N, C-alpha and C. Protein backbone atom coordinates (compact mmCIF):
# COMPACT_ATOMS: atom_id res chain seq x y z
N UNK A 1 0.73 -1.22 -0.19
CA UNK A 1 0.19 -0.23 -0.38
C UNK A 1 0.81 1.13 0.09
N UNK A 2 2.16 0.93 0.73
CA UNK A 2 2.78 2.39 0.32
C UNK A 2 3.42 2.96 -0.77
N UNK A 3 3.76 1.95 -1.58
CA UNK A 3 3.96 2.54 -2.95
C UNK A 3 2.32 2.80 -3.80
N UNK A 4 1.68 1.95 -3.80
CA UNK A 4 0.56 2.73 -4.44
C UNK A 4 0.07 4.02 -3.86
N UNK A 5 0.31 4.72 -2.47
CA UNK A 5 0.32 5.85 -2.25
C UNK A 5 0.96 6.54 -2.79
N UNK A 6 2.33 6.34 -2.39
CA UNK A 6 3.34 7.16 -3.27
C UNK A 6 2.99 7.52 -4.60
N UNK A 7 2.29 7.08 -5.41
CA UNK A 7 2.26 6.62 -7.17
C UNK A 7 0.86 7.52 -7.30
N UNK A 8 -0.16 7.45 -6.55
CA UNK A 8 -1.42 8.07 -6.36
C UNK A 8 -1.31 9.64 -5.95
N UNK A 9 -0.15 9.63 -5.05
CA UNK A 9 -0.66 10.96 -4.10
C UNK A 9 1.43 11.49 -4.25
N UNK A 10 1.85 10.94 -5.37
CA UNK A 10 3.03 11.68 -5.64
C UNK A 10 3.38 13.00 -5.91
N UNK A 11 2.07 13.99 -5.69
CA UNK A 11 2.41 15.30 -5.59
C UNK A 11 2.45 15.98 -4.02
N UNK A 12 1.84 14.95 -3.28
CA UNK A 12 1.84 15.43 -1.92
C UNK A 12 3.68 15.12 -1.38
N UNK A 13 4.11 13.85 -2.04
CA UNK A 13 5.37 13.34 -1.19
C UNK A 13 6.43 14.01 -1.91
N UNK A 14 5.63 14.60 -3.12
CA UNK A 14 7.11 15.51 -3.89
C UNK A 14 7.08 16.85 -3.28
N UNK A 15 6.09 17.45 -2.74
CA UNK A 15 6.08 18.80 -1.92
C UNK A 15 6.80 18.52 -0.46
N UNK A 16 6.82 17.44 -0.30
CA UNK A 16 7.49 17.07 1.36
C UNK A 16 9.02 16.82 0.71
N UNK A 17 9.61 15.94 -0.28
CA UNK A 17 11.01 15.82 -0.97
C UNK A 17 11.36 17.37 -1.14
N UNK A 18 10.92 18.20 -1.40
CA UNK A 18 11.47 19.55 -2.33
C UNK A 18 11.72 20.32 -0.58
N UNK A 19 10.68 19.88 -0.34
CA UNK A 19 10.98 21.13 1.11
C UNK A 19 11.77 20.25 2.05
N UNK A 20 11.93 19.09 2.23
CA UNK A 20 13.03 18.45 3.44
C UNK A 20 14.46 18.57 2.27
N UNK A 21 14.79 18.37 1.31
CA UNK A 21 15.94 18.04 0.64
C UNK A 21 16.76 19.35 -0.05
N UNK A 22 15.52 19.99 -0.24
CA UNK A 22 16.07 21.49 -0.69
C UNK A 22 16.50 21.31 -2.46
N UNK A 23 18.12 21.54 -2.99
CA UNK A 23 18.21 21.38 -3.97
C UNK A 23 18.83 19.93 -4.18
N UNK A 24 19.00 19.02 -3.39
CA UNK A 24 18.72 17.17 -3.95
C UNK A 24 17.70 17.00 -3.97
N UNK A 25 16.57 17.35 -4.12
CA UNK A 25 15.51 16.73 -5.21
C UNK A 25 15.77 16.63 -5.99
N UNK A 26 16.87 17.25 -6.77
CA UNK A 26 17.26 17.02 -8.30
C UNK A 26 17.73 15.83 -8.60
N UNK A 27 18.94 15.72 -7.29
CA UNK A 27 19.16 14.32 -7.25
C UNK A 27 18.70 12.69 -7.31
N UNK A 28 17.26 13.32 -6.30
CA UNK A 28 16.24 12.28 -6.16
C UNK A 28 15.69 11.82 -7.30
N UNK A 29 15.40 12.86 -7.68
CA UNK A 29 14.25 12.72 -9.19
C UNK A 29 15.29 12.07 -10.16
N UNK A 30 16.42 12.03 -10.45
CA UNK A 30 17.23 11.82 -11.45
C UNK A 30 17.45 10.16 -10.53
N UNK A 31 17.83 9.73 -9.42
CA UNK A 31 17.63 8.45 -9.41
C UNK A 31 16.36 7.88 -9.31
N UNK A 32 15.24 8.35 -8.94
CA UNK A 32 14.19 7.26 -9.15
C UNK A 32 13.96 7.08 -10.70
N UNK A 33 14.24 7.93 -11.81
CA UNK A 33 13.73 7.88 -13.06
C UNK A 33 15.50 6.50 -13.53
N UNK A 34 16.31 7.37 -12.67
CA UNK A 34 17.38 5.98 -13.37
C UNK A 34 16.95 4.73 -13.16
N UNK A 35 16.74 4.41 -11.52
CA UNK A 35 16.30 2.95 -11.41
C UNK A 35 15.02 2.60 -11.95
N UNK A 36 13.92 3.15 -12.44
CA UNK A 36 12.53 2.75 -12.90
C UNK A 36 13.32 2.11 -14.20
N UNK A 37 14.05 3.00 -15.06
CA UNK A 37 14.04 2.16 -16.44
C UNK A 37 15.63 1.39 -16.23
N UNK A 38 16.14 1.70 -15.40
CA UNK A 38 17.79 0.86 -15.22
C UNK A 38 17.73 -0.05 -14.55
N UNK A 39 16.91 -0.81 -14.09
CA UNK A 39 16.84 -1.61 -13.07
C UNK A 39 15.64 -2.74 -13.45
N UNK A 40 15.89 -3.54 -13.78
CA UNK A 40 15.05 -4.56 -14.16
C UNK A 40 14.29 -5.09 -13.43
N UNK A 41 14.49 -5.10 -11.86
CA UNK A 41 13.99 -5.68 -11.06
C UNK A 41 12.91 -4.45 -9.94
N UNK A 42 12.81 -3.11 -11.01
CA UNK A 42 12.26 -2.06 -10.27
C UNK A 42 11.42 -1.51 -10.68
N UNK A 43 10.13 -2.13 -11.66
CA UNK A 43 9.63 -1.66 -12.69
C UNK A 43 8.47 -0.71 -12.11
N UNK A 44 8.28 -0.81 -10.86
CA UNK A 44 6.91 -0.06 -10.65
C UNK A 44 7.04 0.82 -9.75
N UNK A 45 8.29 1.62 -9.82
CA UNK A 45 8.23 3.01 -9.46
C UNK A 45 7.69 4.04 -10.46
N UNK A 46 7.28 5.44 -10.13
CA UNK A 46 6.48 6.06 -10.76
C UNK A 46 7.77 6.68 -11.59
N UNK A 47 6.09 6.70 -12.89
CA UNK A 47 7.52 7.44 -14.51
C UNK A 47 6.50 8.96 -14.67
N UNK A 48 5.52 8.31 -15.14
CA UNK A 48 4.49 9.26 -15.83
C UNK A 48 3.82 9.90 -15.23
N UNK A 49 3.69 9.79 -13.49
CA UNK A 49 3.25 10.44 -12.54
C UNK A 49 4.26 11.54 -12.16
N UNK A 50 5.05 11.07 -11.76
CA UNK A 50 6.44 12.01 -11.40
C UNK A 50 6.95 13.15 -12.47
N UNK A 51 6.43 12.09 -13.45
CA UNK A 51 7.27 13.62 -14.77
C UNK A 51 5.94 14.71 -14.82
N UNK A 52 4.80 13.82 -14.87
CA UNK A 52 3.91 15.52 -14.72
C UNK A 52 3.83 15.87 -13.54
N UNK A 53 4.30 15.53 -12.29
CA UNK A 53 3.71 16.49 -11.15
C UNK A 53 5.14 17.00 -10.68
N UNK A 54 6.35 16.56 -11.65
CA UNK A 54 8.08 17.93 -11.97
C UNK A 54 7.32 18.88 -12.61
N UNK A 55 6.66 18.67 -13.78
CA UNK A 55 6.73 19.78 -14.12
C UNK A 55 5.27 20.58 -13.52
N UNK A 56 3.93 20.72 -12.78
CA UNK A 56 3.12 21.20 -12.58
C UNK A 56 4.06 22.25 -11.31
N UNK A 57 4.83 21.34 -10.57
CA UNK A 57 5.63 21.88 -9.33
C UNK A 57 6.89 22.90 -9.96
N UNK A 58 7.37 22.52 -11.33
CA UNK A 58 7.83 23.87 -11.62
C UNK A 58 7.31 24.54 -12.20
N UNK A 59 5.93 24.68 -12.98
CA UNK A 59 4.92 25.94 -13.73
C UNK A 59 4.67 26.30 -11.87
N UNK A 60 4.54 26.17 -10.73
CA UNK A 60 4.76 26.79 -9.38
C UNK A 60 5.61 27.95 -8.87
N UNK A 61 6.98 27.17 -9.49
CA UNK A 61 8.13 27.76 -8.97
C UNK A 61 8.90 27.03 -7.94
N UNK A 62 8.31 26.03 -7.38
CA UNK A 62 8.85 24.93 -6.74
C UNK A 62 10.16 24.37 -7.30
N UNK A 63 10.16 24.18 -8.42
CA UNK A 63 11.78 23.24 -9.17
C UNK A 63 12.04 23.85 -10.47
N UNK A 64 13.45 24.22 -11.43
CA UNK A 64 13.22 24.67 -12.31
C UNK A 64 13.11 23.58 -13.38
N UNK A 65 12.30 23.86 -14.13
CA UNK A 65 12.03 23.05 -15.10
C UNK A 65 13.02 22.30 -16.30
N UNK A 66 14.20 23.31 -16.14
CA UNK A 66 15.28 23.02 -17.09
C UNK A 66 15.85 22.29 -16.72
N UNK A 67 16.51 22.56 -15.63
CA UNK A 67 17.60 21.59 -14.35
C UNK A 67 16.81 19.95 -14.52
N UNK A 68 15.46 20.02 -14.14
CA UNK A 68 14.28 18.92 -14.02
C UNK A 68 14.80 18.22 -15.47
N UNK A 69 13.90 18.47 -16.28
CA UNK A 69 13.92 18.15 -17.83
C UNK A 69 15.30 17.67 -18.15
N UNK A 70 16.26 18.08 -17.68
CA UNK A 70 17.59 17.74 -18.13
C UNK A 70 18.13 16.47 -17.45
N UNK A 71 18.20 16.62 -16.52
CA UNK A 71 18.60 15.99 -15.39
C UNK A 71 17.71 14.52 -15.95
N UNK A 72 16.35 14.40 -15.74
CA UNK A 72 15.76 13.19 -15.54
C UNK A 72 15.75 12.72 -17.38
N UNK A 73 15.94 13.25 -18.21
CA UNK A 73 16.66 12.97 -19.58
C UNK A 73 17.46 12.05 -19.58
N UNK A 74 18.49 12.72 -19.32
CA UNK A 74 19.92 11.70 -18.80
C UNK A 74 19.73 10.71 -17.80
N UNK A 75 18.61 11.07 -17.12
CA UNK A 75 18.70 9.88 -16.02
C UNK A 75 17.86 8.80 -17.57
N UNK A 76 16.68 8.88 -17.85
CA UNK A 76 16.09 7.98 -18.41
C UNK A 76 16.93 7.57 -19.93
N UNK A 77 17.76 7.82 -20.60
CA UNK A 77 18.68 7.84 -21.43
C UNK A 77 19.59 6.76 -21.26
N UNK A 78 19.98 6.85 -19.85
CA UNK A 78 21.28 6.62 -19.47
C UNK A 78 20.71 5.04 -18.63
N UNK A 79 19.49 5.24 -18.16
CA UNK A 79 18.88 3.77 -17.03
C UNK A 79 18.29 2.96 -18.44
N UNK A 80 17.85 3.06 -19.45
CA UNK A 80 17.79 2.38 -20.63
C UNK A 80 19.05 1.36 -20.80
N UNK A 81 19.86 2.33 -21.23
CA UNK A 81 21.07 2.47 -21.73
C UNK A 81 22.25 0.91 -20.55
N UNK A 82 21.69 0.83 -19.83
CA UNK A 82 21.98 0.01 -18.53
C UNK A 82 21.69 -1.40 -18.42
N UNK A 83 19.83 -0.96 -18.76
CA UNK A 83 19.43 -2.02 -18.82
C UNK A 83 19.55 -2.71 -19.99
N UNK A 84 19.69 -2.41 -20.80
CA UNK A 84 20.49 -3.38 -22.33
C UNK A 84 21.71 -4.12 -22.06
N UNK A 85 22.79 -3.40 -20.86
CA UNK A 85 23.83 -3.88 -20.94
C UNK A 85 23.69 -5.25 -20.47
N UNK A 86 22.80 -5.06 -19.11
CA UNK A 86 22.05 -5.84 -17.56
C UNK A 86 21.95 -7.27 -18.81
N UNK A 87 20.75 -6.83 -19.72
CA UNK A 87 20.34 -7.95 -20.40
C UNK A 87 21.39 -8.12 -21.59
N UNK A 88 22.05 -7.96 -22.34
CA UNK A 88 22.98 -8.19 -22.85
C UNK A 88 24.08 -9.23 -22.83
N UNK A 89 24.50 -8.72 -21.51
CA UNK A 89 25.39 -9.64 -21.26
C UNK A 89 25.46 -10.48 -19.93
N UNK A 90 24.09 -10.45 -19.01
CA UNK A 90 23.47 -10.67 -17.71
C UNK A 90 22.08 -11.36 -18.27
N UNK A 91 21.59 -11.25 -19.31
CA UNK A 91 20.08 -11.25 -19.69
C UNK A 91 19.48 -12.98 -18.45
N UNK A 92 20.22 -13.75 -18.97
CA UNK A 92 19.82 -15.25 -18.26
C UNK A 92 20.06 -15.73 -17.01
N UNK A 93 21.12 -15.00 -16.88
CA UNK A 93 21.16 -15.53 -15.34
C UNK A 93 20.16 -14.30 -14.47
N UNK A 94 19.99 -13.55 -15.01
CA UNK A 94 18.94 -12.79 -14.37
C UNK A 94 17.35 -12.94 -14.37
N UNK A 95 17.27 -13.79 -15.42
CA UNK A 95 15.53 -14.59 -15.44
C UNK A 95 15.60 -15.77 -14.62
N UNK A 96 16.80 -16.68 -14.21
CA UNK A 96 16.74 -17.18 -13.16
C UNK A 96 17.12 -16.69 -12.24
N UNK A 97 17.34 -15.75 -11.54
CA UNK A 97 17.74 -15.27 -10.35
C UNK A 97 16.35 -15.32 -9.42
N UNK A 98 16.50 -15.87 -8.07
CA UNK A 98 15.51 -16.00 -7.08
C UNK A 98 15.62 -15.78 -5.93
N UNK A 99 14.95 -14.82 -5.37
CA UNK A 99 15.20 -14.63 -3.85
C UNK A 99 14.39 -15.11 -3.16
N UNK A 100 14.39 -15.62 -2.03
CA UNK A 100 13.79 -16.61 -1.54
C UNK A 100 12.44 -17.21 -1.85
N UNK A 101 13.18 -17.94 -2.86
CA UNK A 101 12.55 -19.07 -3.70
C UNK A 101 11.45 -18.33 -4.78
N UNK A 102 11.72 -16.62 -4.79
CA UNK A 102 10.61 -16.20 -5.92
C UNK A 102 11.66 -15.91 -7.05
N UNK A 103 11.21 -15.63 -8.18
CA UNK A 103 12.08 -15.16 -9.11
C UNK A 103 11.19 -13.97 -9.21
N UNK A 104 12.85 -12.99 -9.28
CA UNK A 104 12.75 -11.80 -8.81
C UNK A 104 12.68 -11.07 -10.79
N UNK A 105 12.51 -11.84 -11.47
CA UNK A 105 11.98 -11.20 -12.71
C UNK A 105 11.32 -11.93 -13.82
N UNK A 106 10.02 -12.15 -13.59
CA UNK A 106 9.10 -12.37 -13.75
C UNK A 106 8.97 -12.96 -15.08
N UNK A 107 8.73 -13.71 -15.17
CA UNK A 107 8.42 -14.20 -16.70
C UNK A 107 7.58 -14.23 -17.83
N UNK A 108 6.54 -13.31 -17.06
CA UNK A 108 5.40 -13.19 -17.91
C UNK A 108 5.82 -11.54 -18.60
N UNK A 109 6.34 -10.88 -17.57
CA UNK A 109 6.37 -9.70 -18.25
C UNK A 109 7.47 -9.29 -19.24
N UNK A 110 8.70 -10.68 -19.20
CA UNK A 110 9.25 -10.95 -20.09
C UNK A 110 8.19 -11.02 -21.35
N UNK A 111 7.40 -12.24 -21.15
CA UNK A 111 6.89 -12.91 -22.28
C UNK A 111 5.96 -11.65 -23.15
N UNK A 112 5.36 -10.71 -22.32
CA UNK A 112 4.34 -9.76 -22.68
C UNK A 112 5.58 -8.07 -23.85
N UNK A 113 6.87 -8.43 -22.93
CA UNK A 113 7.41 -8.01 -23.45
C UNK A 113 8.05 -7.99 -25.26
N UNK A 114 8.30 -9.72 -25.09
CA UNK A 114 8.46 -9.69 -26.39
C UNK A 114 7.68 -9.83 -27.30
N UNK A 115 5.93 -9.96 -26.65
CA UNK A 115 4.77 -9.85 -27.90
C UNK A 115 4.78 -8.43 -28.36
N UNK A 116 5.09 -7.19 -27.63
CA UNK A 116 5.42 -5.59 -27.92
C UNK A 116 6.51 -5.69 -28.90
N UNK A 117 7.30 -6.76 -29.07
CA UNK A 117 8.53 -6.51 -29.64
C UNK A 117 8.40 -7.15 -31.28
N UNK A 118 7.69 -8.21 -31.10
CA UNK A 118 6.50 -8.66 -32.82
C UNK A 118 5.51 -8.33 -32.88
N UNK A 119 5.06 -6.95 -32.36
CA UNK A 119 4.70 -6.04 -33.25
C UNK A 119 5.01 -5.05 -33.51
N UNK A 120 5.88 -4.37 -33.05
CA UNK A 120 5.93 -2.94 -33.28
C UNK A 120 7.73 -3.24 -33.57
N UNK A 121 8.48 -4.17 -33.24
CA UNK A 121 9.92 -3.77 -34.08
C UNK A 121 10.24 -3.09 -32.67
N UNK A 122 11.74 -2.52 -33.65
CA UNK A 122 12.85 -1.86 -32.81
C UNK A 122 12.04 -0.82 -31.69
N UNK A 123 11.14 0.01 -32.74
CA UNK A 123 10.17 0.93 -32.34
C UNK A 123 9.42 0.73 -31.25
N UNK A 124 9.69 -0.61 -30.66
CA UNK A 124 8.99 -0.69 -29.24
C UNK A 124 9.69 -0.14 -28.06
N UNK A 125 11.05 0.26 -28.14
CA UNK A 125 12.01 1.41 -27.27
C UNK A 125 11.19 2.41 -26.87
N UNK A 126 10.43 3.07 -28.43
CA UNK A 126 10.27 4.39 -27.52
C UNK A 126 8.56 3.90 -27.50
N UNK A 127 7.62 3.83 -27.81
CA UNK A 127 6.27 2.87 -27.25
C UNK A 127 6.30 2.85 -26.13
N UNK A 128 7.24 1.73 -25.62
CA UNK A 128 7.19 1.20 -24.30
C UNK A 128 7.68 2.47 -23.36
N UNK A 129 8.51 3.52 -23.70
CA UNK A 129 8.67 4.58 -22.77
C UNK A 129 7.16 5.12 -21.97
N UNK A 130 6.04 4.61 -22.79
CA UNK A 130 4.45 5.85 -22.37
C UNK A 130 3.67 4.13 -21.71
N UNK A 131 4.56 3.06 -21.32
CA UNK A 131 3.71 1.52 -21.01
C UNK A 131 4.67 1.44 -19.23
N UNK A 132 4.14 1.44 -18.36
CA UNK A 132 4.43 1.09 -17.41
C UNK A 132 4.85 -0.36 -17.34
N UNK A 133 5.88 -0.84 -16.47
CA UNK A 133 6.22 -1.87 -16.64
C UNK A 133 6.90 -2.25 -17.56
N UNK A 134 6.27 -2.77 -19.12
CA UNK A 134 6.88 -2.75 -20.23
C UNK A 134 8.24 -1.65 -20.62
N UNK A 135 7.63 -0.66 -20.00
CA UNK A 135 9.22 0.46 -20.06
C UNK A 135 10.19 0.09 -19.32
N UNK A 136 10.33 -0.63 -18.49
CA UNK A 136 11.67 -1.33 -17.35
C UNK A 136 12.33 -2.37 -18.69
N UNK A 137 11.15 -3.22 -18.66
CA UNK A 137 11.76 -4.81 -19.89
C UNK A 137 12.08 -4.16 -21.13
N UNK A 138 12.14 -3.52 -21.63
CA UNK A 138 11.98 -3.29 -23.59
C UNK A 138 12.94 -2.99 -23.55
N UNK A 139 14.38 -2.15 -23.02
CA UNK A 139 15.58 -2.26 -22.92
C UNK A 139 16.39 -3.59 -22.73
N UNK A 140 15.66 -4.15 -21.39
CA UNK A 140 16.26 -5.76 -21.06
C UNK A 140 16.38 -6.50 -22.20
N UNK A 141 14.97 -6.41 -22.71
CA UNK A 141 14.86 -7.90 -23.53
C UNK A 141 15.63 -7.55 -24.95
N UNK A 142 15.86 -6.24 -25.55
CA UNK A 142 16.53 -5.55 -25.89
C UNK A 142 17.52 -6.01 -26.51
N UNK A 143 18.64 -5.42 -25.07
CA UNK A 143 20.31 -6.69 -24.69
C UNK A 143 20.07 -8.23 -24.79
N UNK A 144 18.77 -8.71 -24.58
CA UNK A 144 19.03 -10.22 -24.56
C UNK A 144 18.77 -10.76 -25.76
N UNK A 145 18.15 -9.98 -26.61
CA UNK A 145 17.75 -9.89 -28.25
C UNK A 145 19.22 -10.11 -28.82
N UNK A 146 20.20 -9.02 -28.01
CA UNK A 146 21.30 -8.96 -29.00
C UNK A 146 21.18 -7.88 -30.26
N UNK A 147 20.47 -6.66 -29.45
CA UNK A 147 19.70 -5.61 -30.89
C UNK A 147 20.87 -4.79 -30.68
N UNK A 148 21.47 -4.21 -32.09
CA UNK A 148 22.51 -3.51 -32.58
C UNK A 148 22.37 -2.72 -31.69
N UNK A 149 23.79 -2.17 -30.86
CA UNK A 149 23.45 -1.09 -29.70
C UNK A 149 23.00 0.11 -30.56
N UNK A 150 23.62 0.53 -31.94
CA UNK A 150 23.93 1.64 -32.73
C UNK A 150 21.83 2.44 -32.63
N UNK A 151 21.77 1.21 -33.24
CA UNK A 151 20.03 0.85 -33.35
C UNK A 151 19.26 1.71 -32.21
N UNK A 152 19.61 0.83 -30.92
CA UNK A 152 18.91 1.18 -29.93
C UNK A 152 19.07 2.34 -29.31
N UNK A 153 20.36 2.42 -29.74
CA UNK A 153 20.90 4.24 -28.98
C UNK A 153 19.74 4.68 -29.70
N UNK A 154 20.00 4.94 -30.48
CA UNK A 154 18.71 6.00 -31.56
C UNK A 154 17.54 6.31 -30.94
N UNK A 155 16.57 4.77 -30.61
CA UNK A 155 15.56 4.64 -30.24
C UNK A 155 15.13 5.15 -28.68
N UNK A 156 16.38 5.03 -28.18
CA UNK A 156 16.64 5.28 -26.25
C UNK A 156 16.55 6.36 -26.58
N UNK A 157 17.46 7.45 -27.58
CA UNK A 157 17.11 9.00 -27.69
C UNK A 157 16.66 9.50 -27.58
N UNK A 158 15.16 8.85 -29.02
CA UNK A 158 14.39 9.61 -29.41
C UNK A 158 12.86 9.40 -28.04
N UNK A 159 12.99 8.20 -27.69
CA UNK A 159 11.87 7.77 -26.81
C UNK A 159 11.79 8.50 -25.40
N UNK A 160 13.59 8.41 -25.08
CA UNK A 160 13.35 9.36 -24.30
C UNK A 160 12.95 10.81 -23.93
N UNK A 161 13.46 11.50 -24.99
CA UNK A 161 13.00 12.68 -25.14
C UNK A 161 11.35 12.94 -25.06
N UNK A 162 11.32 12.45 -26.07
CA UNK A 162 9.07 12.11 -26.14
C UNK A 162 8.94 11.89 -24.71
N UNK A 163 9.38 10.94 -24.13
CA UNK A 163 8.74 10.70 -22.63
C UNK A 163 9.26 11.76 -21.63
N UNK A 164 9.72 12.32 -21.30
CA UNK A 164 10.30 12.99 -20.25
C UNK A 164 9.68 14.07 -20.57
N UNK A 165 10.12 14.84 -21.90
CA UNK A 165 10.22 16.50 -22.12
C UNK A 165 8.38 16.24 -22.52
N UNK A 166 7.70 15.58 -23.30
CA UNK A 166 6.32 15.28 -23.71
C UNK A 166 5.54 15.30 -22.12
N UNK A 167 5.86 14.50 -21.20
CA UNK A 167 4.84 14.59 -20.02
C UNK A 167 5.51 15.68 -18.85
N UNK A 168 6.48 16.21 -18.74
CA UNK A 168 6.69 17.22 -17.75
C UNK A 168 6.30 18.19 -18.36
N UNK A 169 6.25 18.56 -19.31
CA UNK A 169 5.55 20.02 -20.63
C UNK A 169 4.42 19.77 -20.20
N UNK A 170 3.48 18.59 -20.60
CA UNK A 170 2.15 18.80 -20.18
C UNK A 170 1.50 19.06 -19.10
N UNK A 171 2.29 18.55 -17.49
CA UNK A 171 2.39 19.08 -16.60
C UNK A 171 3.11 20.55 -15.94
N UNK A 172 3.48 20.86 -17.00
CA UNK A 172 4.11 22.46 -16.70
C UNK A 172 2.86 23.47 -17.16
N UNK A 173 2.22 22.88 -18.38
CA UNK A 173 1.33 23.90 -19.11
C UNK A 173 -0.19 23.44 -18.62
N UNK A 174 -0.41 22.12 -18.18
CA UNK A 174 -1.54 22.37 -17.69
C UNK A 174 -1.98 21.91 -15.79
N UNK A 175 -0.66 21.89 -15.61
CA UNK A 175 -0.92 20.92 -13.76
C UNK A 175 -1.45 22.63 -12.63
N UNK A 176 -1.58 23.54 -13.37
CA UNK A 176 -2.02 24.17 -12.71
C UNK A 176 -3.37 25.19 -12.64
N UNK A 177 -4.18 23.98 -13.88
CA UNK A 177 -5.50 24.65 -14.52
C UNK A 177 -6.08 23.84 -13.14
N UNK A 178 -7.02 24.94 -12.23
CA UNK A 178 -7.46 24.19 -10.83
C UNK A 178 -8.37 22.27 -11.23
N UNK A 179 -9.44 22.47 -11.70
CA UNK A 179 -9.84 20.98 -12.18
C UNK A 179 -8.38 19.67 -11.91
N UNK A 180 -7.65 20.27 -12.52
CA UNK A 180 -6.64 19.44 -12.57
C UNK A 180 -5.78 18.95 -11.30
N UNK A 181 -5.31 20.52 -10.45
CA UNK A 181 -4.32 20.79 -9.51
C UNK A 181 -5.82 20.06 -8.52
N UNK A 182 -6.73 20.14 -8.00
CA UNK A 182 -7.36 19.74 -6.92
C UNK A 182 -8.04 18.51 -7.26
N UNK A 183 -7.60 17.44 -8.40
CA UNK A 183 -8.08 16.08 -8.81
C UNK A 183 -7.20 15.37 -9.12
N UNK A 184 -5.65 15.86 -8.37
CA UNK A 184 -4.69 14.96 -8.45
C UNK A 184 -4.55 13.53 -8.77
N UNK A 185 -5.13 13.01 -7.74
CA UNK A 185 -5.31 11.36 -7.92
C UNK A 185 -5.99 10.97 -9.07
N UNK A 186 -6.85 11.53 -9.45
CA UNK A 186 -7.82 11.14 -10.43
C UNK A 186 -7.17 11.26 -11.55
N UNK A 187 -6.11 12.53 -12.15
CA UNK A 187 -5.64 12.19 -12.63
C UNK A 187 -4.58 11.63 -12.98
N UNK A 188 -3.88 10.75 -12.19
CA UNK A 188 -2.95 9.91 -12.07
C UNK A 188 -3.41 8.81 -12.72
N UNK A 189 -4.44 8.52 -12.10
CA UNK A 189 -5.21 7.25 -12.31
C UNK A 189 -5.48 7.45 -13.86
N UNK A 190 -5.44 8.53 -14.40
CA UNK A 190 -6.09 8.55 -15.77
C UNK A 190 -4.74 8.13 -16.70
N UNK A 191 -3.49 8.60 -15.85
CA UNK A 191 -1.98 8.64 -17.05
C UNK A 191 -2.06 7.34 -16.78
N UNK A 192 -2.19 6.52 -15.71
CA UNK A 192 -1.89 5.08 -15.61
C UNK A 192 -3.04 4.30 -16.24
N UNK A 193 -4.02 4.21 -16.69
CA UNK A 193 -5.07 4.11 -17.45
C UNK A 193 -4.61 3.77 -18.81
N UNK A 194 -3.97 4.78 -19.52
CA UNK A 194 -4.05 5.38 -20.88
C UNK A 194 -2.51 4.48 -21.09
N UNK A 195 -2.06 4.92 -20.22
CA UNK A 195 -0.73 4.31 -20.36
C UNK A 195 -0.47 2.49 -20.37
N UNK A 196 -1.66 2.05 -19.49
CA UNK A 196 -1.91 0.26 -19.79
C UNK A 196 -2.50 0.42 -20.67
N UNK A 197 -3.46 1.09 -21.16
CA UNK A 197 -4.31 0.67 -22.64
C UNK A 197 -3.59 -0.37 -23.51
N UNK A 198 -2.29 -0.07 -24.08
CA UNK A 198 -1.90 -0.82 -25.18
C UNK A 198 -2.08 -2.19 -24.57
N UNK A 199 -1.75 -2.68 -23.25
CA UNK A 199 -1.96 -3.73 -23.06
C UNK A 199 -2.87 -4.41 -22.74
N UNK A 200 -3.80 -3.72 -22.30
CA UNK A 200 -5.23 -4.22 -22.25
C UNK A 200 -5.98 -4.58 -23.60
N UNK A 201 -5.70 -3.99 -24.48
CA UNK A 201 -6.50 -4.22 -25.95
C UNK A 201 -5.24 -5.56 -26.59
N UNK A 202 -4.32 -5.68 -26.42
CA UNK A 202 -3.30 -6.49 -26.48
C UNK A 202 -3.71 -7.76 -25.83
N UNK A 203 -4.07 -7.78 -24.82
CA UNK A 203 -4.76 -9.39 -24.00
C UNK A 203 -5.99 -9.51 -24.62
N UNK A 204 -6.79 -8.65 -25.17
CA UNK A 204 -8.37 -9.01 -24.94
C UNK A 204 -8.23 -9.26 -26.80
N UNK A 205 -7.08 -8.99 -27.49
CA UNK A 205 -6.95 -9.84 -28.99
C UNK A 205 -5.97 -10.79 -29.19
N UNK A 206 -5.34 -11.09 -28.01
CA UNK A 206 -4.86 -12.45 -28.04
C UNK A 206 -5.76 -13.62 -27.46
N UNK A 207 -6.65 -12.68 -26.78
CA UNK A 207 -7.59 -14.22 -26.22
C UNK A 207 -8.45 -14.19 -27.02
N UNK A 208 -8.87 -13.00 -27.77
CA UNK A 208 -10.07 -13.55 -28.72
C UNK A 208 -9.75 -14.35 -29.90
N UNK A 209 -8.21 -14.34 -30.40
CA UNK A 209 -7.74 -14.83 -31.56
C UNK A 209 -7.54 -16.12 -30.82
N UNK A 210 -7.36 -16.98 -29.45
CA UNK A 210 -7.35 -18.17 -29.27
C UNK A 210 -8.68 -18.89 -28.73
N UNK A 211 -9.80 -18.12 -28.46
CA UNK A 211 -11.12 -18.69 -28.50
C UNK A 211 -11.73 -18.92 -30.00
N UNK A 212 -11.12 -18.35 -30.72
CA UNK A 212 -11.21 -18.26 -32.20
C UNK A 212 -10.56 -19.99 -32.52
């Protein structure tokens, strides 16, 4: 429940972090984005909602929009690159890794990411930026599949720019609208729903094919 509360009320938690850590907040933002995109065992950290909230607080003057976007963009690109290298050189070991008898990297998540690749090809690296969980596993699976690094890097940078800059600026320009500002929890839920919509649609399409 702690993680769910942190995601749904990221605006309130971000206010506390800004107040308690001052300029260190930029390092915290960097680390959250890097860990979510760079460590395959941490797919549940807030991504989209955090970017939107950062943009919103930057519009209010609590954060610098250029510093925030710049650092989070670097974190997103480095995170995907790190995840790719983990998949390329340690992928098989990570898939088999267990802690207290439980598999750390769920095979189901890898299978769903593979399905994304089959449908979208290398562009999955860009599309996955906007899909929770798949966002974390896409570079890992690209590494396992030995995608050419030059190809991966190009899609990594393009996807990172679209994701970080796009959602942060969305929060920057829309976050101070009263109906959005006063209903931030519902906005977060809406962002999550839109993000996972491709997975839901794909699930029902595959189920329909199986039944047929």
